[in-house]
């Protein structure tokens, strides 16, 4: 961020990829009233509007964004009661949209609140999590979200959605389906209460279970789960570190494909397969990328400014002087190479702004 808070920044200053050109107009919204007012003002003027919070899921064009960029910087964590007694049944925790995600998870673990511990280390802000239905290591925010309170830009009014009405799916929600309609104001989570020595939710992810030394479905102390997840993510370059270019990314660039049974049957026998309740089969984008010839550190040229992470083939990284065009060129090469090898077309997870894959 620039030293002058009134200056118009480049979007590169606001995104974890550190890519993107200038904003046409920049507004920092530190209160909910400021956030709604900025959105209403832009809509009334028919200006293009881009909301940015943690900037961890954005790929912004080198030309920047010609309209108003609103930096969602609202903060606040409010529990409906102060008890840490595990007999109380649970706690409702309402978190402002601009609150950084991982510090919230750390706070939950410290308080003995159960249900988001496996989501440790994910960059970004709380308000972005229901949009993508953020998930990792066997947990999704949909597991614990009670309500999402929004500003409905079409109705010009606040609207609150119960979890059942959010349309949650794999990396999907009604908010993602209508990206220009809803502005998330806060998210309320229903979390278990386990006391100072709380056990986390049952571990669903095999890699995490192995790291913790428990069986899938068993539980481990909250603090141990958080530490294990942070270690696993760091080993894959998925915990932000300004000194590590492997973390100059948007996280996993492609979603794991969900295939019909017939398409899944055409994959090599050793390809990962995760049967889904509806009869589809999820496979691993990282496995497809790696086995299609795009291993860790792959780049289109020896001195390229973008490459796959040297720690994980699913992340596309800025090595320090990249452009968005260079990043997208590599992304297309990977996507097209996987499609040629396996007949599966990968879909990007980050949102593209002013550009397209």
Protein backbone atom coordinates (compact mmCIF):
# COMPACT_ATOMS: atom_id res chain seq x y z
CA UNK A 1 0.00 0.00 0.00
CA UNK A 2 1.25 3.55 -0.67
CA UNK A 3 2.26 5.72 2.29
CA UNK A 4 -0.40 8.28 1.35
CA UNK A 5 -3.80 6.64 2.06
CA UNK A 6 -5.52 9.07 -0.36
CA UNK A 7 -3.24 8.11 -3.27
CA UNK A 8 -4.55 5.91 -6.06
CA UNK A 9 -2.56 2.68 -5.89
CA UNK A 10 -1.72 0.13 -8.49
CA UNK A 11 -3.72 -3.03 -8.03
CA UNK A 12 -0.36 -4.76 -7.64
CA UNK A 13 -0.21 -3.11 -4.20
CA UNK A 14 -3.47 -4.80 -3.20
CA UNK A 15 -3.07 -8.36 -4.50
CA UNK A 16 -0.97 -11.30 -3.33
CA UNK A 17 0.20 -11.90 -6.90
CA UNK A 18 1.57 -8.34 -6.88
CA UNK A 19 0.21 -7.84 -10.38
CA UNK A 20 -2.21 -5.33 -11.86
CA UNK A 21 -2.21 -1.77 -13.16
CA UNK A 22 -3.71 1.40 -11.66
CA UNK A 23 -7.16 1.98 -10.23
CA UNK A 24 -9.26 4.67 -11.83
CA UNK A 25 -10.43 5.79 -8.39
CA UNK A 26 -9.58 4.34 -5.00
CA UNK A 27 -11.64 4.31 -1.80
CA UNK A 28 -10.55 2.74 1.49
CA UNK A 29 -13.68 1.70 3.40
CA UNK A 30 -12.86 1.18 7.07
CA UNK A 31 -16.47 1.20 8.27
CA UNK A 32 -19.56 -0.58 7.00
CA UNK A 33 -21.23 2.79 6.35
CA UNK A 34 -18.26 3.88 4.23
CA UNK A 35 -18.36 0.60 2.31
CA UNK A 36 -22.04 0.83 1.48
CA UNK A 37 -21.77 4.52 0.62
CA UNK A 38 -18.90 3.90 -1.79
CA UNK A 39 -20.82 1.13 -3.53
CA UNK A 40 -24.01 3.18 -3.76
CA UNK A 41 -22.09 6.18 -5.13
CA UNK A 42 -20.39 4.10 -7.83
CA UNK A 43 -23.64 2.41 -8.80
CA UNK A 44 -25.49 5.72 -8.99
CA UNK A 45 -22.82 7.04 -11.33
CA UNK A 46 -22.87 3.80 -13.36
CA UNK A 47 -19.14 3.41 -12.71
CA UNK A 48 -17.44 0.02 -12.92
CA UNK A 49 -16.82 -1.23 -9.38
CA UNK A 50 -14.19 -3.59 -8.02
CA UNK A 51 -14.15 -4.69 -4.39
CA UNK A 52 -10.78 -5.76 -3.00
CA UNK A 53 -10.15 -7.09 0.49
CA UNK A 54 -7.16 -9.39 0.93
CA UNK A 55 -6.55 -9.55 -2.82
CA UNK A 56 -5.58 -13.22 -2.63
CA UNK A 57 -7.93 -14.44 -5.34
CA UNK A 58 -7.54 -11.78 -8.03
CA UNK A 59 -5.71 -11.66 -11.34
CA UNK A 60 -5.88 -8.04 -12.52
CA UNK A 61 -4.94 -6.84 -16.00
CA UNK A 62 -1.75 -4.87 -16.57
CA UNK A 63 -3.95 -2.00 -17.74
CA UNK A 64 -5.55 -1.89 -14.30
CA UNK A 65 -9.20 -1.14 -13.56
CA UNK A 66 -10.84 1.96 -15.04
CA UNK A 67 -13.57 2.39 -12.42
CA UNK A 68 -13.77 2.65 -8.64
CA UNK A 69 -11.76 0.25 -6.52
CA UNK A 70 -13.12 -0.09 -2.99
CA UNK A 71 -10.71 -1.57 -0.49
CA UNK A 72 -12.83 -3.44 2.06
CA UNK A 73 -10.98 -2.71 5.31
CA UNK A 74 -13.76 -3.15 7.87
CA UNK A 75 -12.82 -5.01 11.06
CA UNK A 76 -14.42 -6.60 14.08
CA UNK A 77 -15.06 -10.00 15.66
CA UNK A 78 -18.11 -10.33 17.92
CA UNK A 79 -19.23 -13.48 19.75
CA UNK A 80 -22.80 -13.86 21.00
CA UNK A 81 -21.51 -14.86 24.45
CA UNK A 82 -18.18 -15.04 26.26
CA UNK A 83 -18.35 -18.57 27.61
CA UNK A 84 -15.62 -21.07 26.74
CA UNK A 85 -17.54 -23.81 28.57
CA UNK A 86 -17.81 -26.86 26.25
CA UNK A 87 -21.21 -27.68 27.76
CA UNK A 88 -22.73 -24.50 26.28
CA UNK A 89 -23.17 -26.16 22.88
CA UNK A 90 -21.62 -23.56 20.62
CA UNK A 91 -21.00 -19.93 19.85
CA UNK A 92 -22.16 -17.61 17.10
CA UNK A 93 -19.29 -15.40 15.94
CA UNK A 94 -19.95 -12.46 13.61
CA UNK A 95 -16.91 -11.21 11.69
CA UNK A 96 -16.63 -8.06 9.56
CA UNK A 97 -15.93 -8.63 5.87
CA UNK A 98 -12.54 -6.93 5.90
CA UNK A 99 -11.18 -8.84 8.88
CA UNK A 100 -8.09 -10.82 7.80
CA UNK A 101 -8.94 -14.52 7.69
CA UNK A 102 -5.96 -16.22 9.29
CA UNK A 103 -5.81 -13.96 12.38
CA UNK A 104 -9.49 -14.80 12.88
CA UNK A 105 -8.69 -18.52 12.71
CA UNK A 106 -5.84 -18.04 15.19
CA UNK A 107 -8.25 -16.23 17.53
CA UNK A 108 -10.79 -19.04 17.21
CA UNK A 109 -8.17 -21.66 18.08
CA UNK A 110 -7.00 -19.63 21.09
CA UNK A 111 -10.57 -19.39 22.36
CA UNK A 112 -11.26 -23.09 21.84
CA UNK A 113 -13.77 -22.47 19.06
CA UNK A 114 -14.02 -25.52 16.81
CA UNK A 115 -14.62 -25.75 13.08
CA UNK A 116 -12.18 -23.54 11.13
CA UNK A 117 -8.82 -24.79 12.40
CA UNK A 118 -7.98 -26.74 9.21
CA UNK A 119 -8.44 -23.48 7.26
CA UNK A 120 -5.36 -21.95 8.91
CA UNK A 121 -2.89 -20.04 6.77
CA UNK A 122 -5.30 -19.15 3.97
CA UNK A 123 -4.67 -15.55 2.85
CA UNK A 124 -7.43 -13.04 2.26
CA UNK A 125 -10.32 -11.59 4.23
CA UNK A 126 -13.36 -13.11 5.89
CA UNK A 127 -15.87 -11.55 3.51
CA UNK A 128 -14.32 -13.32 0.54
CA UNK A 129 -14.58 -16.79 2.05
CA UNK A 130 -18.29 -17.46 1.42
CA UNK A 131 -18.00 -16.25 -2.17
CA UNK A 132 -15.58 -19.04 -3.12
CA UNK A 133 -16.74 -21.38 -0.35
CA UNK A 134 -13.10 -21.47 0.66
CA UNK A 135 -11.85 -24.86 1.74
CA UNK A 136 -8.71 -26.84 2.49
CA UNK A 137 -7.61 -29.97 4.33
CA UNK A 138 -11.11 -31.37 4.63
CA UNK A 139 -12.94 -28.24 5.84
CA UNK A 140 -14.99 -25.64 3.98
CA UNK A 141 -16.43 -22.43 5.36
CA UNK A 142 -19.85 -23.77 4.35
CA UNK A 143 -19.46 -26.29 7.20
CA UNK A 144 -19.68 -23.53 9.82
CA UNK A 145 -21.32 -20.48 8.22
CA UNK A 146 -24.66 -19.65 9.83
CA UNK A 147 -25.52 -16.46 7.91
CA UNK A 148 -24.01 -14.04 5.41
CA UNK A 149 -25.18 -10.43 5.61
CA UNK A 150 -24.89 -8.48 2.37
CA UNK A 151 -25.69 -5.26 0.59
CA UNK A 152 -27.92 -6.14 -2.38
CA UNK A 153 -26.93 -3.72 -5.13
CA UNK A 154 -30.05 -4.53 -7.17
CA UNK A 155 -32.56 -4.06 -4.35
CA UNK A 156 -30.60 -1.24 -2.74
CA UNK A 157 -30.99 -2.81 0.69
CA UNK A 158 -29.35 -5.14 3.16
CA UNK A 159 -30.12 -8.83 2.75
CA UNK A 160 -29.12 -11.68 5.04
CA UNK A 161 -28.82 -15.26 3.80
CA UNK A 162 -28.98 -18.37 5.93
CA UNK A 163 -26.38 -20.96 4.99
CA UNK A 164 -29.00 -23.10 3.26
CA UNK A 165 -29.78 -20.19 0.94
CA UNK A 166 -26.18 -19.44 -0.03
CA UNK A 167 -26.01 -22.05 -2.80
CA UNK A 168 -22.76 -23.48 -1.51
CA UNK A 169 -20.96 -26.03 -3.67
CA UNK A 170 -17.38 -26.90 -4.46
CA UNK A 171 -15.65 -23.48 -4.62
CA UNK A 172 -19.02 -21.96 -5.46
CA UNK A 173 -21.91 -19.97 -3.98
CA UNK A 174 -24.79 -17.76 -5.05
CA UNK A 175 -22.47 -14.79 -4.44
CA UNK A 176 -20.02 -16.14 -7.01
CA UNK A 177 -22.88 -16.90 -9.40
CA UNK A 178 -24.01 -13.24 -9.22
CA UNK A 179 -20.69 -11.43 -8.77
CA UNK A 180 -22.04 -7.93 -9.41
CA UNK A 181 -25.01 -8.12 -7.07
CA UNK A 182 -23.99 -8.82 -3.46
CA UNK A 183 -21.44 -7.05 -1.27
CA UNK A 184 -20.62 -9.14 1.80
CA UNK A 185 -20.82 -7.01 4.96
CA UNK A 186 -20.20 -9.67 7.59
CA UNK A 187 -20.29 -13.42 8.11
CA UNK A 188 -21.65 -15.25 11.14
CA UNK A 189 -20.12 -18.62 12.01
CA UNK A 190 -21.62 -21.33 14.22
CA UNK A 191 -18.61 -22.83 15.98
CA UNK A 192 -18.28 -25.51 18.59
CA UNK A 193 -16.89 -24.62 21.99
CA UNK A 194 -14.28 -26.96 23.40
CA UNK A 195 -12.55 -25.07 26.17
CA UNK A 196 -8.80 -24.39 26.54
CA UNK A 197 -7.77 -27.96 25.61
CA UNK A 198 -10.30 -28.39 22.82
CA UNK A 199 -10.12 -31.06 20.20
CA UNK A 200 -10.76 -29.95 16.65
CA UNK A 201 -13.40 -31.27 14.31
CA UNK A 202 -12.89 -34.83 12.98
CA UNK A 203 -9.94 -34.82 10.58
CA UNK A 204 -11.19 -35.61 7.07
CA UNK A 205 -8.05 -35.18 4.99
CA UNK A 206 -5.61 -38.09 4.75
CA UNK A 207 -2.43 -35.99 4.48
CA UNK A 208 -3.38 -33.97 7.54
CA UNK A 209 -4.32 -37.11 9.47
CA UNK A 210 -0.92 -38.66 8.71
CA UNK A 211 0.85 -35.52 9.84
CA UNK A 212 -1.09 -35.51 13.10
CA UNK A 213 -0.65 -39.24 13.65
CA UNK A 214 -4.39 -39.92 13.80
CA UNK A 215 -6.79 -41.89 11.64
CA UNK A 216 -9.13 -40.11 9.24
CA UNK A 217 -12.26 -39.31 11.23
CA UNK A 218 -10.41 -38.99 14.53
CA UNK A 219 -9.82 -35.70 16.32
CA UNK A 220 -6.69 -33.88 17.46
CA UNK A 221 -6.12 -30.79 19.63
CA UNK A 222 -7.03 -27.52 17.92
CA UNK A 223 -3.54 -26.07 18.32
CA UNK A 224 -1.97 -29.20 16.85
CA UNK A 225 -4.28 -29.09 13.84
CA UNK A 226 -3.45 -25.44 13.20
CA UNK A 227 0.29 -26.04 13.53
CA UNK A 228 0.15 -29.07 11.22
CA UNK A 229 -1.84 -27.21 8.56
CA UNK A 230 0.50 -24.22 8.67
CA UNK A 231 3.45 -26.56 8.26
CA UNK A 232 1.88 -28.38 5.32
CA UNK A 233 0.91 -25.11 3.63
CA UNK A 234 4.35 -23.58 4.18
CA UNK A 235 5.95 -26.63 2.59
CA UNK A 236 3.85 -25.93 -0.51
CA UNK A 237 4.51 -22.18 -0.58
CA UNK A 238 0.96 -21.45 0.50
CA UNK A 239 1.67 -19.24 3.52
CA UNK A 240 2.43 -15.63 2.60
CA UNK A 241 6.07 -14.60 2.96
CA UNK A 242 7.34 -11.43 1.28
CA UNK A 243 10.81 -12.98 0.94
CA UNK A 244 9.57 -16.15 -0.77
CA UNK A 245 8.49 -15.72 -4.40
CA UNK A 246 6.72 -19.07 -4.26
CA UNK A 247 4.10 -17.27 -2.15
CA UNK A 248 3.66 -14.44 -4.67
CA UNK A 249 0.65 -16.23 -6.07
CA UNK A 250 -3.12 -16.50 -5.93
CA UNK A 251 -2.89 -19.88 -4.22
CA UNK A 252 -4.24 -22.82 -6.18
CA UNK A 253 -4.70 -21.45 -9.69
CA UNK A 254 -6.98 -24.23 -10.96
CA UNK A 255 -9.84 -26.00 -9.22
CA UNK A 256 -9.83 -29.77 -8.92
CA UNK A 257 -11.91 -31.08 -11.85
CA UNK A 258 -15.19 -32.80 -11.07
CA UNK A 259 -15.83 -35.30 -13.88
CA UNK A 260 -18.63 -37.55 -14.95
CA UNK A 261 -17.93 -41.22 -14.43
CA UNK A 262 -17.22 -41.90 -18.11
CA UNK A 263 -14.59 -39.15 -18.35
CA UNK A 264 -13.01 -40.19 -15.08
CA UNK A 265 -12.68 -43.73 -16.44
CA UNK A 266 -10.43 -42.47 -19.25
CA UNK A 267 -7.79 -41.20 -16.80
CA UNK A 268 -4.76 -43.40 -16.08
CA UNK A 269 -5.40 -45.98 -13.34
CA UNK A 270 -3.01 -44.21 -10.99
CA UNK A 271 -4.77 -40.82 -11.27
CA UNK A 272 -6.43 -39.77 -7.99
CA UNK A 273 -10.17 -40.36 -7.87
CA UNK A 274 -12.54 -39.13 -5.17
CA UNK A 275 -16.12 -40.36 -5.78
CA UNK A 276 -18.78 -37.77 -4.96
CA UNK A 277 -22.28 -38.39 -3.57
CA UNK A 278 -23.91 -37.42 -6.87
CA UNK A 279 -21.98 -40.03 -8.88
CA UNK A 280 -19.35 -37.65 -10.23
CA UNK A 281 -15.65 -38.10 -9.56
CA UNK A 282 -13.26 -35.42 -8.36
CA UNK A 283 -9.63 -35.69 -9.41
CA UNK A 284 -6.48 -33.73 -8.59
CA UNK A 285 -5.56 -30.73 -10.74
CA UNK A 286 -2.05 -30.81 -9.28
CA UNK A 287 -1.61 -34.46 -10.36
CA UNK A 288 -2.85 -33.73 -13.88
CA UNK A 289 -0.55 -30.72 -14.22
CA UNK A 290 2.49 -32.57 -12.94
CA UNK A 291 1.92 -35.68 -15.07
CA UNK A 292 1.20 -33.63 -18.18
CA UNK A 293 4.79 -32.39 -18.03
CA UNK A 294 4.44 -29.24 -15.96
CA UNK A 295 6.39 -30.00 -12.81
CA UNK A 296 7.37 -27.78 -9.90
CA UNK A 297 9.21 -24.69 -11.09
CA UNK A 298 8.11 -25.10 -14.72
CA UNK A 299 8.54 -21.95 -16.80
CA UNK A 300 8.25 -21.16 -20.50
CA UNK A 301 11.83 -19.85 -20.57
CA UNK A 302 14.87 -20.10 -18.35
CA UNK A 303 14.72 -16.43 -17.34
CA UNK A 304 10.91 -16.17 -17.26
CA UNK A 305 9.38 -13.82 -14.71
CA UNK A 306 6.58 -16.29 -13.96
CA UNK A 307 6.73 -19.99 -13.18
CA UNK A 308 4.92 -22.72 -11.37
CA UNK A 309 5.86 -22.73 -7.72
CA UNK A 310 9.03 -24.64 -6.95
CA UNK A 311 7.09 -26.24 -4.08
CA UNK A 312 3.72 -27.05 -5.67
CA UNK A 313 2.65 -27.32 -9.33
CA UNK A 314 -0.82 -25.89 -8.71
CA UNK A 315 0.38 -22.34 -7.95
CA UNK A 316 1.48 -19.86 -10.63
CA UNK A 317 3.98 -17.42 -9.18
CA UNK A 318 5.41 -13.97 -9.83
CA UNK A 319 9.18 -14.26 -9.55
CA UNK A 320 9.51 -10.53 -8.89
CA UNK A 321 9.12 -8.61 -12.15
CA UNK A 322 6.22 -10.32 -13.89
CA UNK A 323 3.28 -8.97 -15.83
CA UNK A 324 -0.26 -10.30 -15.85
CA UNK A 325 0.06 -11.10 -19.56
CA UNK A 326 3.05 -13.33 -18.80
CA UNK A 327 1.16 -15.09 -16.03
CA UNK A 328 -1.84 -15.77 -18.27
CA UNK A 329 0.41 -17.06 -21.06
CA UNK A 330 1.81 -19.66 -18.68
CA UNK A 331 -1.66 -20.49 -17.35
CA UNK A 332 -2.93 -21.11 -20.89
CA UNK A 333 0.05 -23.34 -21.66
CA UNK A 334 -0.66 -25.45 -18.59
CA UNK A 335 -4.40 -25.60 -19.20
CA UNK A 336 -4.01 -26.55 -22.85
CA UNK A 337 -1.27 -29.09 -22.10
CA UNK A 338 -3.45 -30.89 -19.56
CA UNK A 339 -6.34 -30.92 -22.00
CA UNK A 340 -4.17 -32.44 -24.72
CA UNK A 341 -2.83 -35.08 -22.35
CA UNK A 342 -6.02 -36.08 -20.53
CA UNK A 343 -9.02 -34.48 -22.24
CA UNK A 344 -9.77 -32.46 -19.10
CA UNK A 345 -10.03 -28.68 -19.34
CA UNK A 346 -8.91 -27.00 -16.14
CA UNK A 347 -10.84 -24.00 -14.81
CA UNK A 348 -9.10 -21.12 -13.07
CA UNK A 349 -10.02 -20.51 -9.44
CA UNK A 350 -8.92 -16.85 -9.11
CA UNK A 351 -11.20 -14.14 -10.46
CA UNK A 352 -9.85 -12.37 -13.54
CA UNK A 353 -10.36 -8.60 -13.79
CA UNK A 354 -9.96 -6.91 -17.17
CA UNK A 355 -8.39 -10.05 -18.61
CA UNK A 356 -9.34 -13.66 -19.31
CA UNK A 357 -7.78 -17.06 -19.51
